Amino acid sequence: MKSTPAGRVSRRAFLAGACGLAVAGMAAAPAAAESAIKRLPDGRVAVRVAKVPSLAKVGGAAQLGTVKGTPVAVVRTDTGYEALSLRCPHAGATVQRQSPGWVCPAHGSQFEIDGELVRGPATTSLAEVPSRLRRGVLTVG
């Protein structure tokens, strides 16, 4: 870090160093999740649900990125796991996680964590994405 004449670290140097550490920490996070979420050659995604901390409790969710071109999340329900398209059925914008569910940034539609419509302008719930749970691995897509 660059020092000021009085031997102090400049604000700019401090912030640059802090940002670098934050970025390094964020880069390490996907490596840990890499063993739990794996992209398959055919475009599907395999999720070892027991290794994803956010899926440990009912109401938890994990965003998977895109599956065959569609933004997808897996949610833990009281009966198991469900994969949801994160495309708002109103205008196609990608909904964002906002406790306790999902919100469309384009027009404000709100959805429960399991994708059920709470408030429009959307008129339908988030679409379910085909998934299959077998031996602790949820295959999505």
Protein backbone atom coordinates (compact mmCIF):
# COMPACT_ATOMS: atom_id res chain seq x y z
CA MET A 1 0.00 0.00 0.00
CA LYS A 2 1.17 3.49 -0.79
CA SER A 3 2.01 5.63 2.24
CA THR A 4 1.40 9.32 2.70
CA PRO A 5 4.35 11.56 3.68
CA ALA A 6 3.45 11.23 7.38
CA GLY A 7 3.73 7.42 7.09
CA ARG A 8 -0.02 6.90 7.00
CA VAL A 9 -1.81 4.81 4.42
CA SER A 10 -3.80 6.92 1.99
CA ARG A 11 -7.55 6.47 1.84
CA ARG A 12 -7.33 5.44 -1.81
CA ALA A 13 -4.71 2.77 -1.08
CA PHE A 14 -6.71 1.46 1.87
CA LEU A 15 -9.93 1.20 -0.14
CA ALA A 16 -8.14 -0.46 -3.06
CA GLY A 17 -6.69 -3.07 -0.70
CA ALA A 18 -10.03 -3.67 1.03
CA CYS A 19 -11.82 -4.08 -2.31
CA GLY A 20 -9.15 -6.53 -3.44
CA LEU A 21 -9.67 -8.65 -0.32
CA ALA A 22 -13.44 -8.59 -0.80
CA VAL A 23 -13.11 -9.71 -4.42
CA ALA A 24 -10.70 -12.48 -3.41
CA GLY A 25 -13.19 -13.68 -0.79
CA MET A 26 -16.02 -13.69 -3.31
CA ALA A 27 -13.92 -15.67 -5.78
CA ALA A 28 -13.39 -18.39 -3.18
CA ALA A 29 -17.12 -18.84 -2.52
CA PRO A 30 -18.01 -20.45 -5.88
CA ALA A 31 -15.20 -22.99 -5.43
CA ALA A 32 -16.89 -24.30 -2.28
CA ALA A 33 -20.25 -24.48 -4.03
CA GLU A 34 -18.67 -26.09 -7.09
CA SER A 35 -18.88 -29.58 -5.59
CA ALA A 36 -22.53 -29.05 -4.64
CA ILE A 37 -23.78 -27.55 -7.94
CA LYS A 38 -22.51 -28.98 -11.20
CA ARG A 39 -23.40 -28.05 -14.76
CA LEU A 40 -23.95 -31.16 -16.88
CA PRO A 41 -22.86 -31.41 -20.54
CA ASP A 42 -26.47 -31.41 -21.79
CA GLY A 43 -27.28 -28.05 -20.14
CA ARG A 44 -28.96 -29.46 -17.05
CA VAL A 45 -27.67 -28.79 -13.54
CA ALA A 46 -27.08 -31.35 -10.78
CA VAL A 47 -27.48 -30.12 -7.19
CA ARG A 48 -26.30 -32.14 -4.18
CA VAL A 49 -29.02 -30.66 -1.98
CA ALA A 50 -27.47 -31.70 1.35
CA LYS A 51 -24.32 -29.71 0.51
CA VAL A 52 -26.15 -26.43 -0.16
CA PRO A 53 -26.61 -24.68 3.21
CA SER A 54 -29.42 -22.43 1.97
CA LEU A 55 -31.53 -25.52 1.19
CA ALA A 56 -31.24 -26.98 4.70
CA LYS A 57 -34.49 -25.38 5.91
CA VAL A 58 -37.97 -25.12 4.44
CA GLY A 59 -38.19 -21.75 2.69
CA GLY A 60 -34.54 -21.75 1.68
CA ALA A 61 -33.49 -21.04 -1.91
CA ALA A 62 -30.42 -21.38 -4.10
CA GLN A 63 -30.07 -19.61 -7.43
CA LEU A 64 -28.44 -21.84 -10.05
CA GLY A 65 -27.76 -19.34 -12.81
CA THR A 66 -29.17 -20.39 -16.16
CA VAL A 67 -30.40 -23.84 -17.07
CA LYS A 68 -30.82 -24.23 -20.82
CA GLY A 69 -31.03 -20.44 -21.16
CA THR A 70 -33.51 -19.85 -18.33
CA PRO A 71 -32.58 -18.32 -14.96
CA VAL A 72 -33.47 -20.93 -12.33
CA ALA A 73 -33.57 -21.35 -8.55
CA VAL A 74 -34.21 -24.36 -6.34
CA VAL A 75 -36.38 -23.85 -3.28
CA ARG A 76 -36.93 -26.11 -0.28
CA THR A 77 -40.62 -26.71 0.33
CA ASP A 78 -42.35 -28.67 3.08
CA THR A 79 -42.62 -31.63 0.70
CA GLY A 80 -39.15 -31.52 -0.89
CA TYR A 81 -37.47 -29.38 -3.52
CA GLU A 82 -38.85 -27.41 -6.46
CA ALA A 83 -37.01 -25.78 -9.35
CA LEU A 84 -38.46 -22.47 -10.53
CA SER A 85 -37.95 -20.31 -13.57
CA LEU A 86 -36.96 -16.87 -12.38
CA ARG A 87 -38.47 -15.21 -15.47
CA CYS A 88 -41.41 -13.07 -14.53
CA PRO A 89 -44.47 -14.32 -16.45
CA HIS A 90 -45.57 -10.72 -17.02
CA ALA A 91 -42.72 -9.30 -19.12
CA GLY A 92 -39.84 -11.77 -18.85
CA ALA A 93 -37.54 -9.84 -16.50
CA THR A 94 -35.52 -11.94 -14.05
CA VAL A 95 -37.07 -11.80 -10.60
CA GLN A 96 -34.81 -11.18 -7.62
CA ARG A 97 -34.74 -12.77 -4.19
CA GLN A 98 -36.30 -10.49 -1.63
CA SER A 99 -37.40 -11.96 1.67
CA PRO A 100 -39.78 -13.66 1.98
CA GLY A 101 -39.99 -14.46 -1.75
CA TRP A 102 -39.23 -13.02 -5.19
CA VAL A 103 -39.85 -9.58 -6.71
CA CYS A 104 -39.78 -8.48 -10.34
CA PRO A 105 -37.58 -5.39 -10.71
CA ALA A 106 -39.37 -4.30 -13.89
CA HIS A 107 -42.96 -3.88 -12.71
CA GLY A 108 -43.07 -5.01 -9.08
CA SER A 109 -44.84 -8.36 -9.31
CA GLN A 110 -44.35 -10.32 -6.09
CA PHE A 111 -44.13 -14.07 -5.59
CA GLU A 112 -43.90 -16.41 -2.58
CA ILE A 113 -40.68 -18.38 -2.15
CA ASP A 114 -42.36 -21.34 -3.91
CA GLY A 115 -43.25 -19.14 -6.90
CA GLU A 116 -46.93 -18.57 -6.10
CA LEU A 117 -48.19 -15.18 -7.28
CA VAL A 118 -48.84 -12.67 -4.48
CA ARG A 119 -49.35 -9.46 -6.42
CA GLY A 120 -49.26 -8.48 -10.10
CA PRO A 121 -49.23 -7.12 -12.72
CA ALA A 122 -48.23 -10.75 -13.45
CA THR A 123 -51.32 -12.95 -13.63
CA THR A 124 -49.67 -16.35 -13.09
CA SER A 125 -47.13 -17.88 -10.75
CA LEU A 126 -43.48 -18.50 -11.65
CA ALA A 127 -43.15 -21.53 -13.92
CA GLU A 128 -41.85 -24.78 -12.52
CA VAL A 129 -38.76 -26.22 -14.22
CA PRO A 130 -38.63 -30.01 -14.59
CA SER A 131 -36.47 -31.61 -11.89
CA ARG A 132 -35.88 -35.04 -10.42
CA LEU A 133 -34.48 -35.96 -7.01
CA ARG A 134 -32.51 -39.19 -6.85
CA ARG A 135 -30.07 -40.27 -4.14
CA GLY A 136 -29.69 -36.74 -2.81
CA VAL A 137 -29.03 -35.18 -6.22
CA LEU A 138 -31.64 -32.90 -7.76
CA THR A 139 -31.21 -32.82 -11.54
CA VAL A 140 -32.75 -29.66 -12.99
CA GLY A 141 -33.63 -29.09 -16.63
